[in-house]
Amino acid sequence: VKWLKRALQLRRNIPITFCMHPWKRRAREEMLASIHETFRNVVVHFPGGVDDAAANKSSSVHSKLMLLEFDDRLRVCISSANAMRLHWCFRNEVVWVQDFPLA
């Protein structure tokens, strides 16, 4: 998760919400620890539940749209990549990013 913070130039205290696939318990706990270590004001949702049965489903929920609100602008990111460093750094994915000033 630290790579995402650096790549998008996010402050530690920016309010952020993640909707994530409910991986198996150990992976989920590691991801939550990383998120809470990286961001101070964060909410994490696991659509479909957080039990190990939900983690075994073949589909997952992941955001392709990010709306990042700063004091002076709204950053819109639309990506083909999943929220994983491997997908953002080592695959042929695309991302569109635009900052819009707040009125």
PDB file of N, CA and C in Angstrom:
ATOM      1  N   VAL A   1       0.826  -1.191   0.000  1.00  0.00           N
ATOM      2  CA  VAL A   1       0.000   0.000   0.000  1.00  0.00           C
ATOM      3  C   VAL A   1       0.869   1.253   0.000  1.00  0.00           C
ATOM      4  N   LYS A   2       2.070   1.146   0.561  1.00  0.00           N
ATOM      5  CA  LYS A   2       2.967   2.309   0.573  1.00  0.00           C
ATOM      6  C   LYS A   2       3.298   2.774  -0.839  1.00  0.00           C
ATOM      7  N   TRP A   3       3.432   1.848  -1.771  1.00  0.00           N
ATOM      8  CA  TRP A   3       3.728   2.218  -3.156  1.00  0.00           C
ATOM      9  C   TRP A   3       2.604   3.076  -3.739  1.00  0.00           C
ATOM     10  N   LEU A   4       1.355   2.770  -3.385  1.00  0.00           N
ATOM     11  CA  LEU A   4       0.214   3.537  -3.883  1.00  0.00           C
ATOM     12  C   LEU A   4       0.244   4.953  -3.332  1.00  0.00           C
ATOM     13  N   LYS A   5       0.563   5.093  -2.064  1.00  0.00           N
ATOM     14  CA  LYS A   5       0.685   6.408  -1.433  1.00  0.00           C
ATOM     15  C   LYS A   5       1.739   7.245  -2.154  1.00  0.00           C
ATOM     16  N   ARG A   6       2.887   6.635  -2.427  1.00  0.00           N
ATOM     17  CA  ARG A   6       3.968   7.358  -3.125  1.00  0.00           C
ATOM     18  C   ARG A   6       3.573   7.674  -4.561  1.00  0.00           C
ATOM     19  N   ALA A   7       3.031   6.704  -5.276  1.00  0.00           N
ATOM     20  CA  ALA A   7       2.704   6.879  -6.690  1.00  0.00           C
ATOM     21  C   ALA A   7       1.663   7.971  -6.907  1.00  0.00           C
ATOM     22  N   LEU A   8       0.701   8.057  -6.006  1.00  0.00           N
ATOM     23  CA  LEU A   8      -0.367   9.061  -6.154  1.00  0.00           C
ATOM     24  C   LEU A   8      -0.112  10.320  -5.331  1.00  0.00           C
ATOM     25  N   GLN A   9       1.047  10.370  -4.657  1.00  0.00           N
ATOM     26  CA  GLN A   9       1.443  11.536  -3.864  1.00  0.00           C
ATOM     27  C   GLN A   9       0.373  11.896  -2.829  1.00  0.00           C
ATOM     28  N   LEU A  10      -0.005  10.903  -2.037  1.00  0.00           N
ATOM     29  CA  LEU A  10      -1.054  11.086  -1.035  1.00  0.00           C
ATOM     30  C   LEU A  10      -0.452  11.388   0.328  1.00  0.00           C
ATOM     31  N   ARG A  11      -1.098  12.274   1.061  1.00  0.00           N
ATOM     32  CA  ARG A  11      -0.683  12.546   2.440  1.00  0.00           C
ATOM     33  C   ARG A  11      -1.145  11.396   3.331  1.00  0.00           C
ATOM     34  N   ARG A  12      -0.455  11.193   4.426  1.00  0.00           N
ATOM     35  CA  ARG A  12      -0.793  10.113   5.362  1.00  0.00           C
ATOM     36  C   ARG A  12      -2.180  10.300   5.972  1.00  0.00           C
ATOM     37  N   ASN A  13      -2.603  11.558   6.151  1.00  0.00           N
ATOM     38  CA  ASN A  13      -3.879  11.817   6.822  1.00  0.00           C
ATOM     39  C   ASN A  13      -5.036  12.063   5.859  1.00  0.00           C
ATOM     40  N   ILE A  14      -4.847  11.834   4.555  1.00  0.00           N
ATOM     41  CA  ILE A  14      -5.949  12.037   3.609  1.00  0.00           C
ATOM     42  C   ILE A  14      -7.039  10.982   3.886  1.00  0.00           C
ATOM     43  N   PRO A  15      -8.301  11.391   3.933  1.00  0.00           N
ATOM     44  CA  PRO A  15      -9.371  10.397   4.120  1.00  0.00           C
ATOM     45  C   PRO A  15      -9.421   9.480   2.895  1.00  0.00           C
ATOM     46  N   ILE A  16      -9.414   8.184   3.138  1.00  0.00           N
ATOM     47  CA  ILE A  16      -9.394   7.235   2.022  1.00  0.00           C
ATOM     48  C   ILE A  16     -10.240   6.018   2.385  1.00  0.00           C
ATOM     49  N   THR A  17     -10.928   5.483   1.379  1.00  0.00           N
ATOM     50  CA  THR A  17     -11.750   4.286   1.561  1.00  0.00           C
ATOM     51  C   THR A  17     -11.304   3.242   0.550  1.00  0.00           C
ATOM     52  N   PHE A  18     -11.077   2.026   1.012  1.00  0.00           N
ATOM     53  CA  PHE A  18     -10.735   0.912   0.152  1.00  0.00           C
ATOM     54  C   PHE A  18     -11.899  -0.076   0.147  1.00  0.00           C
ATOM     55  N   CYS A  19     -12.267  -0.571  -1.034  1.00  0.00           N
ATOM     56  CA  CYS A  19     -13.178  -1.705  -1.165  1.00  0.00           C
ATOM     57  C   CYS A  19     -12.333  -2.833  -1.720  1.00  0.00           C
ATOM     58  N   MET A  20     -12.243  -3.926  -0.971  1.00  0.00           N
ATOM     59  CA  MET A  20     -11.277  -4.966  -1.312  1.00  0.00           C
ATOM     60  C   MET A  20     -11.888  -6.352  -1.289  1.00  0.00           C
ATOM     61  N   HIS A  21     -11.250  -7.223  -2.026  1.00  0.00           N
ATOM     62  CA  HIS A  21     -11.615  -8.644  -2.004  1.00  0.00           C
ATOM     63  C   HIS A  21     -11.281  -9.203  -0.619  1.00  0.00           C
ATOM     64  N   PRO A  22     -12.151 -10.004  -0.025  1.00  0.00           N
ATOM     65  CA  PRO A  22     -11.901 -10.541   1.319  1.00  0.00           C
ATOM     66  C   PRO A  22     -10.966 -11.751   1.278  1.00  0.00           C
ATOM     67  N   TRP A  23      -9.673 -11.493   1.074  1.00  0.00           N
ATOM     68  CA  TRP A  23      -8.707 -12.591   1.002  1.00  0.00           C
ATOM     69  C   TRP A  23      -8.805 -13.478   2.235  1.00  0.00           C
ATOM     70  N   LYS A  24      -8.098 -14.588   2.191  1.00  0.00           N
ATOM     71  CA  LYS A  24      -8.049 -15.465   3.362  1.00  0.00           C
ATOM     72  C   LYS A  24      -7.516 -14.682   4.552  1.00  0.00           C
ATOM     73  N   ARG A  25      -7.872 -15.123   5.720  1.00  0.00           N
ATOM     74  CA  ARG A  25      -7.645 -14.377   6.961  1.00  0.00           C
ATOM     75  C   ARG A  25      -6.228 -13.805   7.102  1.00  0.00           C
ATOM     76  N   ARG A  26      -5.208 -14.606   6.904  1.00  0.00           N
ATOM     77  CA  ARG A  26      -3.833 -14.120   7.121  1.00  0.00           C
ATOM     78  C   ARG A  26      -3.480 -13.002   6.134  1.00  0.00           C
ATOM     79  N   ALA A  27      -3.779 -13.192   4.855  1.00  0.00           N
ATOM     80  CA  ALA A  27      -3.495 -12.164   3.849  1.00  0.00           C
ATOM     81  C   ALA A  27      -4.294 -10.899   4.134  1.00  0.00           C
ATOM     82  N   ARG A  28      -5.541 -11.070   4.559  1.00  0.00           N
ATOM     83  CA  ARG A  28      -6.394  -9.925   4.877  1.00  0.00           C
ATOM     84  C   ARG A  28      -5.820  -9.143   6.051  1.00  0.00           C
ATOM     85  N   GLU A  29      -5.384  -9.845   7.095  1.00  0.00           N
ATOM     86  CA  GLU A  29      -4.813  -9.169   8.265  1.00  0.00           C
ATOM     87  C   GLU A  29      -3.524  -8.437   7.911  1.00  0.00           C
ATOM     88  N   GLU A  30      -2.691  -9.032   7.045  1.00  0.00           N
ATOM     89  CA  GLU A  30      -1.465  -8.363   6.609  1.00  0.00           C
ATOM     90  C   GLU A  30      -1.786  -7.110   5.809  1.00  0.00           C
ATOM     91  N   MET A  31      -2.785  -7.194   4.912  1.00  0.00           N
ATOM     92  CA  MET A  31      -3.172  -6.032   4.113  1.00  0.00           C
ATOM     93  C   MET A  31      -3.733  -4.933   5.007  1.00  0.00           C
ATOM     94  N   LEU A  32      -4.580  -5.287   5.962  1.00  0.00           N
ATOM     95  CA  LEU A  32      -5.122  -4.287   6.885  1.00  0.00           C
ATOM     96  C   LEU A  32      -4.015  -3.611   7.688  1.00  0.00           C
ATOM     97  N   ALA A  33      -3.041  -4.379   8.151  1.00  0.00           N
ATOM     98  CA  ALA A  33      -1.923  -3.808   8.906  1.00  0.00           C
ATOM     99  C   ALA A  33      -1.150  -2.824   8.040  1.00  0.00           C
ATOM    100  N   SER A  34      -0.903  -3.172   6.792  1.00  0.00           N
ATOM    101  CA  SER A  34      -0.186  -2.286   5.879  1.00  0.00           C
ATOM    102  C   SER A  34      -0.974  -1.007   5.602  1.00  0.00           C
ATOM    103  N   ILE A  35      -2.284  -1.149   5.403  1.00  0.00           N
ATOM    104  CA  ILE A  35      -3.132   0.021   5.147  1.00  0.00           C
ATOM    105  C   ILE A  35      -3.115   0.958   6.347  1.00  0.00           C
ATOM    106  N   HIS A  36      -3.306   0.421   7.544  1.00  0.00           N
ATOM    107  CA  HIS A  36      -3.373   1.258   8.740  1.00  0.00           C
ATOM    108  C   HIS A  36      -2.001   1.845   9.103  1.00  0.00           C
ATOM    109  N   GLU A  37      -0.945   1.192   8.697  1.00  0.00           N
ATOM    110  CA  GLU A  37       0.398   1.736   8.906  1.00  0.00           C
ATOM    111  C   GLU A  37       0.661   2.907   7.948  1.00  0.00           C
ATOM    112  N   THR A  38       0.061   2.844   6.760  1.00  0.00           N
ATOM    113  CA  THR A  38       0.321   3.835   5.715  1.00  0.00           C
ATOM    114  C   THR A  38      -0.605   5.035   5.791  1.00  0.00           C
ATOM    115  N   PHE A  39      -1.869   4.805   6.119  1.00  0.00           N
ATOM    116  CA  PHE A  39      -2.863   5.878   6.150  1.00  0.00           C
ATOM    117  C   PHE A  39      -3.473   5.996   7.539  1.00  0.00           C
ATOM    118  N   ARG A  40      -3.683   7.222   7.981  1.00  0.00           N
ATOM    119  CA  ARG A  40      -4.225   7.477   9.312  1.00  0.00           C
ATOM    120  C   ARG A  40      -5.754   7.515   9.305  1.00  0.00           C
ATOM    121  N   ASN A  41      -6.358   8.031   8.239  1.00  0.00           N
ATOM    122  CA  ASN A  41      -7.802   8.249   8.171  1.00  0.00           C
ATOM    123  C   ASN A  41      -8.377   7.338   7.085  1.00  0.00           C
ATOM    124  N   VAL A  42      -8.527   6.048   7.402  1.00  0.00           N
ATOM    125  CA  VAL A  42      -8.883   5.069   6.383  1.00  0.00           C
ATOM    126  C   VAL A  42     -10.068   4.211   6.826  1.00  0.00           C
ATOM    127  N   VAL A  43     -10.898   3.857   5.856  1.00  0.00           N
ATOM    128  CA  VAL A  43     -12.002   2.915   6.047  1.00  0.00           C
ATOM    129  C   VAL A  43     -11.797   1.802   5.033  1.00  0.00           C
ATOM    130  N   VAL A  44     -11.959   0.561   5.456  1.00  0.00           N
ATOM    131  CA  VAL A  44     -11.797  -0.580   4.559  1.00  0.00           C
ATOM    132  C   VAL A  44     -13.093  -1.379   4.561  1.00  0.00           C
ATOM    133  N   HIS A  45     -13.614  -1.650   3.372  1.00  0.00           N
ATOM    134  CA  HIS A  45     -14.824  -2.466   3.212  1.00  0.00           C
ATOM    135  C   HIS A  45     -14.452  -3.757   2.492  1.00  0.00           C
ATOM    136  N   PHE A  46     -15.061  -4.836   2.909  1.00  0.00           N
ATOM    137  CA  PHE A  46     -14.916  -6.123   2.240  1.00  0.00           C
ATOM    138  C   PHE A  46     -16.300  -6.551   1.774  1.00  0.00           C
ATOM    139  N   PRO A  47     -16.740  -6.103   0.582  1.00  0.00           N
ATOM    140  CA  PRO A  47     -18.071  -6.484   0.104  1.00  0.00           C
ATOM    141  C   PRO A  47     -18.208  -8.005   0.058  1.00  0.00           C
ATOM    142  N   GLY A  48     -19.334  -8.486   0.523  1.00  0.00           N
ATOM    143  CA  GLY A  48     -19.576  -9.922   0.517  1.00  0.00           C
ATOM    144  C   GLY A  48     -19.150 -10.616   1.786  1.00  0.00           C
ATOM    145  N   GLY A  49     -18.534  -9.894   2.707  1.00  0.00           N
ATOM    146  CA  GLY A  49     -18.155 -10.496   3.976  1.00  0.00           C
ATOM    147  C   GLY A  49     -16.668 -10.720   4.107  1.00  0.00           C
ATOM    148  N   VAL A  50     -16.255 -11.087   5.315  1.00  0.00           N
ATOM    149  CA  VAL A  50     -14.824 -11.283   5.581  1.00  0.00           C
ATOM    150  C   VAL A  50     -14.524 -12.697   6.071  1.00  0.00           C
ATOM    151  N   ASP A  51     -15.387 -13.641   5.756  1.00  0.00           N
ATOM    152  CA  ASP A  51     -15.086 -15.016   6.163  1.00  0.00           C
ATOM    153  C   ASP A  51     -14.258 -15.705   5.078  1.00  0.00           C
ATOM    154  N   ASP A  52     -13.639 -16.809   5.430  1.00  0.00           N
ATOM    155  CA  ASP A  52     -12.787 -17.494   4.472  1.00  0.00           C
ATOM    156  C   ASP A  52     -13.568 -18.069   3.297  1.00  0.00           C
ATOM    157  N   ALA A  53     -14.850 -18.341   3.477  1.00  0.00           N
ATOM    158  CA  ALA A  53     -15.667 -18.825   2.358  1.00  0.00           C
ATOM    159  C   ALA A  53     -15.802 -17.741   1.301  1.00  0.00           C
ATOM    160  N   ALA A  54     -15.990 -16.495   1.728  1.00  0.00           N
ATOM    161  CA  ALA A  54     -16.085 -15.387   0.774  1.00  0.00           C
ATOM    162  C   ALA A  54     -14.768 -15.203   0.030  1.00  0.00           C
ATOM    163  N   ALA A  55     -13.649 -15.462   0.703  1.00  0.00           N
ATOM    164  CA  ALA A  55     -12.330 -15.302   0.085  1.00  0.00           C
ATOM    165  C   ALA A  55     -12.090 -16.322  -1.020  1.00  0.00           C
ATOM    166  N   ASN A  56     -12.836 -17.415  -1.023  1.00  0.00           N
ATOM    167  CA  ASN A  56     -12.637 -18.452  -2.025  1.00  0.00           C
ATOM    168  C   ASN A  56     -13.466 -18.242  -3.283  1.00  0.00           C
ATOM    169  N   LYS A  57     -14.303 -17.233  -3.311  1.00  0.00           N
ATOM    170  CA  LYS A  57     -15.106 -16.962  -4.500  1.00  0.00           C
ATOM    171  C   LYS A  57     -14.190 -16.552  -5.646  1.00  0.00           C
ATOM    172  N   SER A  58     -14.595 -16.832  -6.860  1.00  0.00           N
ATOM    173  CA  SER A  58     -13.736 -16.557  -8.009  1.00  0.00           C
ATOM    174  C   SER A  58     -13.758 -15.096  -8.431  1.00  0.00           C
ATOM    175  N   SER A  59     -14.741 -14.330  -8.017  1.00  0.00           N
ATOM    176  CA  SER A  59     -14.791 -12.921  -8.408  1.00  0.00           C
ATOM    177  C   SER A  59     -14.366 -12.050  -7.237  1.00  0.00           C
ATOM    178  N   SER A  60     -13.960 -10.848  -7.552  1.00  0.00           N
ATOM    179  CA  SER A  60     -13.553  -9.927  -6.503  1.00  0.00           C
ATOM    180  C   SER A  60     -14.018  -8.524  -6.842  1.00  0.00           C
ATOM    181  N   VAL A  61     -14.128  -7.707  -5.835  1.00  0.00           N
ATOM    182  CA  VAL A  61     -14.503  -6.309  -6.014  1.00  0.00           C
ATOM    183  C   VAL A  61     -13.230  -5.478  -5.917  1.00  0.00           C
ATOM    184  N   HIS A  62     -12.970  -4.676  -6.913  1.00  0.00           N
ATOM    185  CA  HIS A  62     -11.812  -3.791  -6.874  1.00  0.00           C
ATOM    186  C   HIS A  62     -12.136  -2.530  -7.660  1.00  0.00           C
ATOM    187  N   SER A  63     -11.678  -1.443  -7.156  1.00  0.00           N
ATOM    188  CA  SER A  63     -11.990  -0.152  -7.740  1.00  0.00           C
ATOM    189  C   SER A  63     -11.141   0.114  -8.971  1.00  0.00           C
ATOM    190  N   LYS A  64     -11.764   0.634  -9.982  1.00  0.00           N
ATOM    191  CA  LYS A  64     -11.050   1.111 -11.159  1.00  0.00           C
ATOM    192  C   LYS A  64     -11.139   2.629 -11.237  1.00  0.00           C
ATOM    193  N   LEU A  65     -11.870   3.208 -10.319  1.00  0.00           N
ATOM    194  CA  LEU A  65     -12.031   4.658 -10.246  1.00  0.00           C
ATOM    195  C   LEU A  65     -11.599   5.107  -8.868  1.00  0.00           C
ATOM    196  N   MET A  66     -10.735   6.108  -8.828  1.00  0.00           N
ATOM    197  CA  MET A  66     -10.332   6.686  -7.548  1.00  0.00           C
ATOM    198  C   MET A  66     -10.628   8.172  -7.585  1.00  0.00           C
ATOM    199  N   LEU A  67     -11.272   8.663  -6.556  1.00  0.00           N
ATOM    200  CA  LEU A  67     -11.522  10.089  -6.376  1.00  0.00           C
ATOM    201  C   LEU A  67     -10.748  10.511  -5.142  1.00  0.00           C
ATOM    202  N   LEU A  68      -9.745  11.352  -5.330  1.00  0.00           N
ATOM    203  CA  LEU A  68      -8.859  11.757  -4.245  1.00  0.00           C
ATOM    204  C   LEU A  68      -9.031  13.251  -4.016  1.00  0.00           C
ATOM    205  N   GLU A  69      -9.547  13.604  -2.842  1.00  0.00           N
ATOM    206  CA  GLU A  69      -9.835  15.001  -2.545  1.00  0.00           C
ATOM    207  C   GLU A  69      -8.686  15.623  -1.747  1.00  0.00           C
ATOM    208  N   PHE A  70      -8.106  16.675  -2.308  1.00  0.00           N
ATOM    209  CA  PHE A  70      -7.074  17.459  -1.656  1.00  0.00           C
ATOM    210  C   PHE A  70      -7.680  18.792  -1.236  1.00  0.00           C
ATOM    211  N   ASP A  71      -6.942  19.606  -0.511  1.00  0.00           N
ATOM    212  CA  ASP A  71      -7.465  20.905  -0.066  1.00  0.00           C
ATOM    213  C   ASP A  71      -7.841  21.800  -1.243  1.00  0.00           C
ATOM    214  N   ASP A  72      -7.102  21.723  -2.333  1.00  0.00           N
ATOM    215  CA  ASP A  72      -7.296  22.645  -3.444  1.00  0.00           C
ATOM    216  C   ASP A  72      -7.788  22.005  -4.738  1.00  0.00           C
ATOM    217  N   ARG A  73      -7.929  20.660  -4.767  1.00  0.00           N
ATOM    218  CA  ARG A  73      -8.299  20.007  -6.016  1.00  0.00           C
ATOM    219  C   ARG A  73      -8.896  18.616  -5.759  1.00  0.00           C
ATOM    220  N   LEU A  74      -9.560  18.114  -6.779  1.00  0.00           N
ATOM    221  CA  LEU A  74     -10.048  16.741  -6.786  1.00  0.00           C
ATOM    222  C   LEU A  74      -9.268  16.011  -7.867  1.00  0.00           C
ATOM    223  N   ARG A  75      -8.601  14.926  -7.505  1.00  0.00           N
ATOM    224  CA  ARG A  75      -7.844  14.128  -8.474  1.00  0.00           C
ATOM    225  C   ARG A  75      -8.704  12.924  -8.858  1.00  0.00           C
ATOM    226  N   VAL A  76      -8.932  12.769 -10.148  1.00  0.00           N
ATOM    227  CA  VAL A  76      -9.698  11.647 -10.671  1.00  0.00           C
ATOM    228  C   VAL A  76      -8.711  10.698 -11.357  1.00  0.00           C
ATOM    229  N   CYS A  77      -8.736   9.429 -10.956  1.00  0.00           N
ATOM    230  CA  CYS A  77      -7.877   8.407 -11.556  1.00  0.00           C
ATOM    231  C   CYS A  77      -8.771   7.287 -12.071  1.00  0.00           C
ATOM    232  N   ILE A  78      -8.626   6.976 -13.331  1.00  0.00           N
ATOM    233  CA  ILE A  78      -9.336   5.841 -13.922  1.00  0.00           C
ATOM    234  C   ILE A  78      -8.264   4.904 -14.455  1.00  0.00           C
ATOM    235  N   SER A  79      -8.317   3.653 -14.015  1.00  0.00           N
ATOM    236  CA  SER A  79      -7.245   2.721 -14.323  1.00  0.00           C
ATOM    237  C   SER A  79      -7.778   1.373 -14.758  1.00  0.00           C
ATOM    238  N   SER A  80      -6.971   0.694 -15.537  1.00  0.00           N
ATOM    239  CA  SER A  80      -7.275  -0.701 -15.874  1.00  0.00           C
ATOM    240  C   SER A  80      -6.629  -1.653 -14.874  1.00  0.00           C
ATOM    241  N   ALA A  81      -5.776  -1.122 -14.001  1.00  0.00           N
ATOM    242  CA  ALA A  81      -5.013  -1.952 -13.072  1.00  0.00           C
ATOM    243  C   ALA A  81      -5.786  -2.236 -11.797  1.00  0.00           C
ATOM    244  N   ASN A  82      -5.583  -3.426 -11.259  1.00  0.00           N
ATOM    245  CA  ASN A  82      -6.069  -3.735  -9.925  1.00  0.00           C
ATOM    246  C   ASN A  82      -5.215  -2.975  -8.921  1.00  0.00           C
ATOM    247  N   ALA A  83      -5.660  -2.887  -7.699  1.00  0.00           N
ATOM    248  CA  ALA A  83      -4.934  -2.138  -6.668  1.00  0.00           C
ATOM    249  C   ALA A  83      -3.814  -2.989  -6.069  1.00  0.00           C
ATOM    250  N   MET A  84      -2.923  -3.430  -6.936  1.00  0.00           N
ATOM    251  CA  MET A  84      -1.770  -4.221  -6.521  1.00  0.00           C
ATOM    252  C   MET A  84      -0.539  -3.657  -7.222  1.00  0.00           C
ATOM    253  N   ARG A  85       0.577  -3.579  -6.491  1.00  0.00           N
ATOM    254  CA  ARG A  85       1.800  -3.010  -7.054  1.00  0.00           C
ATOM    255  C   ARG A  85       2.207  -3.725  -8.338  1.00  0.00           C
ATOM    256  N   LEU A  86       2.107  -5.030  -8.363  1.00  0.00           N
ATOM    257  CA  LEU A  86       2.462  -5.807  -9.548  1.00  0.00           C
ATOM    258  C   LEU A  86       1.710  -5.310 -10.776  1.00  0.00           C
ATOM    259  N   HIS A  87       0.434  -5.042 -10.620  1.00  0.00           N
ATOM    260  CA  HIS A  87      -0.388  -4.609 -11.745  1.00  0.00           C
ATOM    261  C   HIS A  87      -0.039  -3.197 -12.178  1.00  0.00           C
ATOM    262  N   TRP A  88       0.312  -2.330 -11.245  1.00  0.00           N
ATOM    263  CA  TRP A  88       0.612  -0.936 -11.571  1.00  0.00           C
ATOM    264  C   TRP A  88       2.020  -0.763 -12.126  1.00  0.00           C
ATOM    265  N   CYS A  89       2.950  -1.601 -11.713  1.00  0.00           N
ATOM    266  CA  CYS A  89       4.356  -1.375 -12.057  1.00  0.00           C
ATOM    267  C   CYS A  89       4.917  -2.325 -13.109  1.00  0.00           C
ATOM    268  N   PHE A  90       4.352  -3.505 -13.251  1.00  0.00           N
ATOM    269  CA  PHE A  90       5.006  -4.504 -14.093  1.00  0.00           C
ATOM    270  C   PHE A  90       4.117  -5.098 -15.172  1.00  0.00           C
ATOM    271  N   ARG A  91       2.959  -4.533 -15.390  1.00  0.00           N
ATOM    272  CA  ARG A  91       2.072  -5.039 -16.437  1.00  0.00           C
ATOM    273  C   ARG A  91       1.749  -3.903 -17.393  1.00  0.00           C
ATOM    274  N   ASN A  92       1.189  -4.255 -18.511  1.00  0.00           N
ATOM    275  CA  ASN A  92       0.800  -3.247 -19.497  1.00  0.00           C
ATOM    276  C   ASN A  92      -0.592  -2.734 -19.170  1.00  0.00           C
ATOM    277  N   GLU A  93      -0.670  -1.915 -18.134  1.00  0.00           N
ATOM    278  CA  GLU A  93      -1.934  -1.320 -17.709  1.00  0.00           C
ATOM    279  C   GLU A  93      -1.937   0.152 -18.112  1.00  0.00           C
ATOM    280  N   VAL A  94      -3.096   0.754 -18.070  1.00  0.00           N
ATOM    281  CA  VAL A  94      -3.200   2.174 -18.392  1.00  0.00           C
ATOM    282  C   VAL A  94      -3.868   2.901 -17.236  1.00  0.00           C
ATOM    283  N   VAL A  95      -3.557   4.179 -17.114  1.00  0.00           N
ATOM    284  CA  VAL A  95      -4.199   5.010 -16.100  1.00  0.00           C
ATOM    285  C   VAL A  95      -4.357   6.424 -16.659  1.00  0.00           C
ATOM    286  N   TRP A  96      -5.500   7.010 -16.386  1.00  0.00           N
ATOM    287  CA  TRP A  96      -5.761   8.402 -16.742  1.00  0.00           C
ATOM    288  C   TRP A  96      -5.925   9.148 -15.434  1.00  0.00           C
ATOM    289  N   VAL A  97      -5.203  10.261 -15.293  1.00  0.00           N
ATOM    290  CA  VAL A  97      -5.254  11.064 -14.071  1.00  0.00           C
ATOM    291  C   VAL A  97      -5.459  12.514 -14.462  1.00  0.00           C
ATOM    292  N   GLN A  98      -6.382  13.174 -13.778  1.00  0.00           N
ATOM    293  CA  GLN A  98      -6.642  14.598 -14.029  1.00  0.00           C
ATOM    294  C   GLN A  98      -6.971  15.272 -12.703  1.00  0.00           C
ATOM    295  N   ASP A  99      -6.374  16.417 -12.449  1.00  0.00           N
ATOM    296  CA  ASP A  99      -6.707  17.218 -11.280  1.00  0.00           C
ATOM    297  C   ASP A  99      -7.713  18.287 -11.680  1.00  0.00           C
ATOM    298  N   PHE A 100      -8.753  18.447 -10.860  1.00  0.00           N
ATOM    299  CA  PHE A 100      -9.771  19.465 -11.095  1.00  0.00           C
ATOM    300  C   PHE A 100      -9.759  20.415  -9.900  1.00  0.00           C
ATOM    301  N   PRO A 101      -9.613  21.732 -10.156  1.00  0.00           N
ATOM    302  CA  PRO A 101      -9.609  22.672  -9.039  1.00  0.00           C
ATOM    303  C   PRO A 101     -10.963  22.684  -8.338  1.00  0.00           C
ATOM    304  N   LEU A 102     -10.928  22.853  -7.026  1.00  0.00           N
ATOM    305  CA  LEU A 102     -12.172  22.968  -6.273  1.00  0.00           C
ATOM    306  C   LEU A 102     -12.670  24.409  -6.369  1.00  0.00           C
ATOM    307  N   ALA A 103     -13.947  24.563  -6.582  1.00  0.00           N
ATOM    308  CA  ALA A 103     -14.517  25.923  -6.736  1.00  0.00           C
ATOM    309  C   ALA A 103     -14.773  26.548  -5.398  1.00  0.00           C
TER     310      ALA A 103
END
